[in-house]
Amino acid sequence: MVERSLKEQPAPRRKLPPGTPWAPFAWEPADVTAFQAMMAGTAEPSQQRRVLDVLIVKLSGTYEFHYHESQRDTDFALGRAFVGQQIVKLLRLNVSREQGGSDA
């Protein structure tokens, strides 16, 4: 195995500033467990709600402020939020009314 010299070493990763829209979210073990249970089809109701909460709030930042100093960051944040908004729309949609049925 060939050793790299100090000049060839990759630069250390710097921490992203708080609020950076493209930064990975801070997940918890319960988030991972809930997603894995959902994928396996064995998620408890509380895990199902946790998955939706993670998708809508943490991953897509639906309810965050989406405008940033750079246009790139703003565009990225708005794209993420759009996904969350579409999930919320589906959760609130009255399918019966959309198909021409009653509002019941």
C-alpha atoms as a PDB file:
ATOM      1  CA  MET A   1       0.000   0.000   0.000  1.00  0.00           C
ATOM      2  CA  VAL A   2       1.404   3.360  -1.005  1.00  0.00           C
ATOM      3  CA  GLU A   3       1.279   6.120   1.616  1.00  0.00           C
ATOM      4  CA  ARG A   4       0.235   9.596   0.576  1.00  0.00           C
ATOM      5  CA  SER A   5       2.311  12.592   1.411  1.00  0.00           C
ATOM      6  CA  LEU A   6       0.730  15.408   3.417  1.00  0.00           C
ATOM      7  CA  LYS A   7       0.310  17.437   0.237  1.00  0.00           C
ATOM      8  CA  GLU A   8      -1.804  14.685  -1.328  1.00  0.00           C
ATOM      9  CA  GLN A   9      -4.185  14.311   1.614  1.00  0.00           C
ATOM     10  CA  PRO A  10      -7.723  15.511   0.954  1.00  0.00           C
ATOM     11  CA  ALA A  11      -8.702  18.704   2.711  1.00  0.00           C
ATOM     12  CA  PRO A  12     -10.600  18.118   5.954  1.00  0.00           C
ATOM     13  CA  ARG A  13     -14.326  18.649   5.709  1.00  0.00           C
ATOM     14  CA  ARG A  14     -15.488  21.894   7.173  1.00  0.00           C
ATOM     15  CA  LYS A  15     -18.698  22.191   9.119  1.00  0.00           C
ATOM     16  CA  LEU A  16     -21.602  23.655   7.234  1.00  0.00           C
ATOM     17  CA  PRO A  17     -23.143  26.803   8.665  1.00  0.00           C
ATOM     18  CA  PRO A  18     -26.453  26.277  10.472  1.00  0.00           C
ATOM     19  CA  GLY A  19     -29.435  26.556   8.155  1.00  0.00           C
ATOM     20  CA  THR A  20     -27.561  25.429   5.042  1.00  0.00           C
ATOM     21  CA  PRO A  21     -30.386  23.924   2.962  1.00  0.00           C
ATOM     22  CA  TRP A  22     -28.296  21.152   1.422  1.00  0.00           C
ATOM     23  CA  ALA A  23     -26.796  19.947   4.697  1.00  0.00           C
ATOM     24  CA  PRO A  24     -27.760  16.436   5.798  1.00  0.00           C
ATOM     25  CA  PHE A  25     -30.387  16.465   8.533  1.00  0.00           C
ATOM     26  CA  ALA A  26     -29.565  15.380  12.082  1.00  0.00           C
ATOM     27  CA  TRP A  27     -31.264  11.993  12.279  1.00  0.00           C
ATOM     28  CA  GLU A  28     -31.977  10.038  15.414  1.00  0.00           C
ATOM     29  CA  PRO A  29     -31.897   6.242  15.781  1.00  0.00           C
ATOM     30  CA  ALA A  30     -35.702   6.245  16.133  1.00  0.00           C
ATOM     31  CA  ASP A  31     -35.953   7.971  12.719  1.00  0.00           C
ATOM     32  CA  VAL A  32     -33.919   5.219  11.083  1.00  0.00           C
ATOM     33  CA  THR A  33     -35.891   2.486  12.845  1.00  0.00           C
ATOM     34  CA  ALA A  34     -39.186   4.054  11.756  1.00  0.00           C
ATOM     35  CA  PHE A  35     -38.102   4.275   8.102  1.00  0.00           C
ATOM     36  CA  GLN A  36     -36.850   0.687   8.130  1.00  0.00           C
ATOM     37  CA  ALA A  37     -40.084  -0.554   9.715  1.00  0.00           C
ATOM     38  CA  MET A  38     -42.120   1.405   7.157  1.00  0.00           C
ATOM     39  CA  MET A  39     -40.133  -0.158   4.308  1.00  0.00           C
ATOM     40  CA  ALA A  40     -40.644  -3.634   5.778  1.00  0.00           C
ATOM     41  CA  GLY A  41     -44.368  -3.007   6.183  1.00  0.00           C
ATOM     42  CA  THR A  42     -44.228  -3.489   9.958  1.00  0.00           C
ATOM     43  CA  ALA A  43     -44.315   0.119  11.189  1.00  0.00           C
ATOM     44  CA  GLU A  44     -46.447   0.895  14.208  1.00  0.00           C
ATOM     45  CA  PRO A  45     -48.784   3.918  13.902  1.00  0.00           C
ATOM     46  CA  SER A  46     -46.361   6.058  15.917  1.00  0.00           C
ATOM     47  CA  GLN A  47     -43.524   5.081  13.560  1.00  0.00           C
ATOM     48  CA  GLN A  48     -45.654   5.917  10.530  1.00  0.00           C
ATOM     49  CA  ARG A  49     -46.350   9.377  11.966  1.00  0.00           C
ATOM     50  CA  ARG A  50     -42.643   9.786  12.729  1.00  0.00           C
ATOM     51  CA  VAL A  51     -41.721   8.995   9.116  1.00  0.00           C
ATOM     52  CA  LEU A  52     -44.182  11.597   7.834  1.00  0.00           C
ATOM     53  CA  ASP A  53     -42.905  14.140  10.357  1.00  0.00           C
ATOM     54  CA  VAL A  54     -39.305  13.519   9.285  1.00  0.00           C
ATOM     55  CA  LEU A  55     -40.242  13.829   5.600  1.00  0.00           C
ATOM     56  CA  ILE A  56     -42.339  16.974   6.014  1.00  0.00           C
ATOM     57  CA  VAL A  57     -40.431  18.855   8.712  1.00  0.00           C
ATOM     58  CA  LYS A  58     -36.819  17.664   8.806  1.00  0.00           C
ATOM     59  CA  LEU A  59     -35.998  16.477   5.287  1.00  0.00           C
ATOM     60  CA  SER A  60     -38.018  18.890   3.184  1.00  0.00           C
ATOM     61  CA  GLY A  61     -38.104  21.865   5.548  1.00  0.00           C
ATOM     62  CA  THR A  62     -41.687  22.585   4.542  1.00  0.00           C
ATOM     63  CA  TYR A  63     -42.280  25.162   7.270  1.00  0.00           C
ATOM     64  CA  GLU A  64     -38.814  26.777   7.323  1.00  0.00           C
ATOM     65  CA  PHE A  65     -37.854  30.151   5.884  1.00  0.00           C
ATOM     66  CA  HIS A  66     -36.702  29.314   2.353  1.00  0.00           C
ATOM     67  CA  TYR A  67     -34.864  32.436   1.253  1.00  0.00           C
ATOM     68  CA  HIS A  68     -31.093  32.578   1.734  1.00  0.00           C
ATOM     69  CA  GLU A  69     -28.221  34.861   0.812  1.00  0.00           C
ATOM     70  CA  SER A  70     -27.287  32.852  -2.256  1.00  0.00           C
ATOM     71  CA  GLN A  71     -29.727  32.156  -5.077  1.00  0.00           C
ATOM     72  CA  ARG A  72     -28.450  28.581  -5.210  1.00  0.00           C
ATOM     73  CA  ASP A  73     -29.326  27.967  -1.560  1.00  0.00           C
ATOM     74  CA  THR A  74     -32.728  29.603  -2.043  1.00  0.00           C
ATOM     75  CA  ASP A  75     -33.469  27.436  -5.080  1.00  0.00           C
ATOM     76  CA  PHE A  76     -32.397  24.301  -3.226  1.00  0.00           C
ATOM     77  CA  ALA A  77     -34.532  25.145  -0.174  1.00  0.00           C
ATOM     78  CA  LEU A  78     -37.569  25.913  -2.321  1.00  0.00           C
ATOM     79  CA  GLY A  79     -37.160  22.615  -4.177  1.00  0.00           C
ATOM     80  CA  ARG A  80     -37.033  20.701  -0.903  1.00  0.00           C
ATOM     81  CA  ALA A  81     -40.051  22.564   0.430  1.00  0.00           C
ATOM     82  CA  PHE A  82     -42.040  21.766  -2.711  1.00  0.00           C
ATOM     83  CA  VAL A  83     -41.703  18.054  -1.968  1.00  0.00           C
ATOM     84  CA  GLY A  84     -42.973  18.573   1.582  1.00  0.00           C
ATOM     85  CA  GLN A  85     -45.853  20.719   0.336  1.00  0.00           C
ATOM     86  CA  GLN A  86     -46.920  17.981  -2.063  1.00  0.00           C
ATOM     87  CA  ILE A  87     -46.909  15.413   0.761  1.00  0.00           C
ATOM     88  CA  VAL A  88     -49.029  17.729   2.938  1.00  0.00           C
ATOM     89  CA  LYS A  89     -51.402  18.284   0.004  1.00  0.00           C
ATOM     90  CA  LEU A  90     -51.915  14.530  -0.412  1.00  0.00           C
ATOM     91  CA  LEU A  91     -52.530  14.106   3.317  1.00  0.00           C
ATOM     92  CA  ARG A  92     -55.226  16.805   3.299  1.00  0.00           C
ATOM     93  CA  LEU A  93     -56.833  15.992  -0.042  1.00  0.00           C
ATOM     94  CA  ASN A  94     -60.482  14.924  -0.023  1.00  0.00           C
ATOM     95  CA  VAL A  95     -60.359  12.107  -2.594  1.00  0.00           C
ATOM     96  CA  SER A  96     -64.117  11.683  -2.720  1.00  0.00           C
ATOM     97  CA  ARG A  97     -64.647  15.331  -3.628  1.00  0.00           C
ATOM     98  CA  GLU A  98     -61.850  15.251  -6.210  1.00  0.00           C
ATOM     99  CA  GLN A  99     -63.538  12.271  -7.906  1.00  0.00           C
ATOM    100  CA  GLY A 100     -66.884  14.076  -8.035  1.00  0.00           C
ATOM    101  CA  GLY A 101     -68.406  12.298  -5.034  1.00  0.00           C
ATOM    102  CA  SER A 102     -69.907  13.744  -1.880  1.00  0.00           C
ATOM    103  CA  ASP A 103     -67.869  15.688   0.696  1.00  0.00           C
ATOM    104  CA  ALA A 104     -68.530  13.073   3.382  1.00  0.00           C
END
